[in-house]
Amino acid sequence: MPFVKANIEAEAKKIQALVEADPEVKRHIDEWDVEYEFRKKLVLARKAAGLTQKEVEILSGLDQRAISRMETETPTSPSIKTLIRYISALGCNLDIVKVAQ
């Protein structure tokens, strides 16, 4: 369906132009992108450790539903303590690294 694809691409370009024109909207989207990527990394780290959410629950003492919420795009954010428990259960550390600009 080339017509549908062309319409989607045209609409995406319009939306991108609107976002770029409004610094506040762009800031919110950039923040969402960072959070989305972080959540993706949590899931990848868990899978790389060969663990299910249920196994992380056992290792961390966190509720499996809390683990699921942490890994998905929900409006809630985990506490630092919860995040550290999750990451520790994976056998990982949390490092803060300055981004090159």
Protein backbone atom coordinates (compact mmCIF):
# COMPACT_ATOMS: atom_id res chain seq x y z
CA MET A 1 0.00 0.00 0.00
CA PRO A 2 2.30 2.78 -1.20
CA PHE A 3 -0.42 5.44 -0.79
CA VAL A 4 -0.86 4.65 2.92
CA LYS A 5 2.91 4.62 3.47
CA ALA A 6 3.29 7.98 1.70
CA ASN A 7 0.52 9.50 3.86
CA ILE A 8 2.10 8.19 7.05
CA GLU A 9 5.50 9.56 6.07
CA ALA A 10 3.99 12.95 5.18
CA GLU A 11 2.14 13.13 8.51
CA ALA A 12 5.29 12.10 10.39
CA LYS A 13 7.19 14.97 8.73
CA LYS A 14 4.44 17.43 9.73
CA ILE A 15 4.54 16.21 13.33
CA GLN A 16 8.34 16.42 13.40
CA ALA A 17 8.19 20.01 12.14
CA LEU A 18 5.67 20.92 14.87
CA VAL A 19 7.84 19.31 17.53
CA GLU A 20 10.97 21.10 16.34
CA ALA A 21 9.11 24.41 16.31
CA ASP A 22 8.07 24.17 19.98
CA PRO A 23 11.01 23.87 22.42
CA GLU A 24 8.74 22.79 25.29
CA VAL A 25 7.22 19.93 23.29
CA LYS A 26 10.67 18.91 22.07
CA ARG A 27 11.98 18.85 25.66
CA HIS A 28 9.13 16.56 26.76
CA ILE A 29 9.65 14.21 23.84
CA ASP A 30 13.41 14.11 24.44
CA GLU A 31 12.79 13.23 28.11
CA TRP A 32 10.36 10.49 27.08
CA ASP A 33 12.92 9.11 24.61
CA VAL A 34 15.58 8.88 27.35
CA GLU A 35 13.16 7.13 29.71
CA TYR A 36 12.01 4.74 26.97
CA GLU A 37 15.60 3.80 26.12
CA PHE A 38 16.42 3.28 29.81
CA ARG A 39 13.44 0.94 30.26
CA LYS A 40 14.50 -0.98 27.16
CA LYS A 41 17.98 -1.38 28.66
CA LEU A 42 16.48 -2.75 31.87
CA VAL A 43 14.65 -5.45 29.92
CA LEU A 44 17.73 -6.26 27.82
CA ALA A 45 19.88 -6.55 30.96
CA ARG A 46 17.34 -8.86 32.60
CA LYS A 47 17.16 -11.06 29.51
CA ALA A 48 20.97 -11.06 29.15
CA ALA A 49 21.13 -12.30 32.75
CA GLY A 50 18.78 -15.11 31.69
CA LEU A 51 16.13 -14.10 34.22
CA THR A 52 12.37 -13.88 34.07
CA GLN A 53 10.46 -11.20 35.93
CA LYS A 54 9.40 -13.88 38.41
CA GLU A 55 13.04 -14.82 39.07
CA VAL A 56 13.93 -11.14 39.58
CA GLU A 57 11.04 -10.98 42.05
CA ILE A 58 12.57 -13.81 44.07
CA LEU A 59 16.10 -12.40 43.92
CA SER A 60 15.17 -8.79 44.65
CA GLY A 61 12.17 -9.12 46.92
CA LEU A 62 10.26 -6.79 44.59
CA ASP A 63 6.75 -7.64 43.49
CA GLN A 64 6.56 -8.98 39.92
CA ARG A 65 3.92 -6.36 39.10
CA ALA A 66 6.33 -3.62 40.22
CA ILE A 67 9.01 -5.14 37.99
CA SER A 68 6.61 -5.17 35.06
CA ARG A 69 5.65 -1.53 35.67
CA MET A 70 9.33 -0.58 35.84
CA GLU A 71 10.01 -2.24 32.49
CA THR A 72 7.02 -0.79 30.65
CA GLU A 73 5.95 2.65 29.56
CA THR A 74 3.93 3.67 32.56
CA PRO A 75 3.76 7.19 33.95
CA THR A 76 5.19 6.06 37.27
CA SER A 77 8.89 5.96 38.00
CA PRO A 78 10.56 3.57 40.44
CA SER A 79 12.32 4.89 43.51
CA ILE A 80 16.11 4.81 43.57
CA LYS A 81 15.94 2.07 46.20
CA THR A 82 13.67 -0.06 43.99
CA LEU A 83 15.84 0.49 40.96
CA ILE A 84 18.98 -0.52 42.87
CA ARG A 85 17.28 -3.70 44.14
CA TYR A 86 16.24 -4.58 40.58
CA ILE A 87 19.67 -3.91 39.08
CA SER A 88 21.45 -5.76 41.90
CA ALA A 89 19.24 -8.82 41.32
CA LEU A 90 20.53 -8.87 37.73
CA GLY A 91 24.11 -8.85 38.98
CA CYS A 92 24.65 -5.38 37.49
CA ASN A 93 25.84 -2.01 38.72
CA LEU A 94 24.42 1.39 37.92
CA ASP A 95 27.02 3.80 36.55
CA ILE A 96 26.52 7.50 35.86
CA VAL A 97 28.48 8.52 32.76
CA LYS A 98 28.85 12.02 31.33
CA VAL A 99 27.56 12.19 27.79
CA ALA A 100 29.99 13.62 25.26
CA GLN A 101 28.59 16.76 23.68
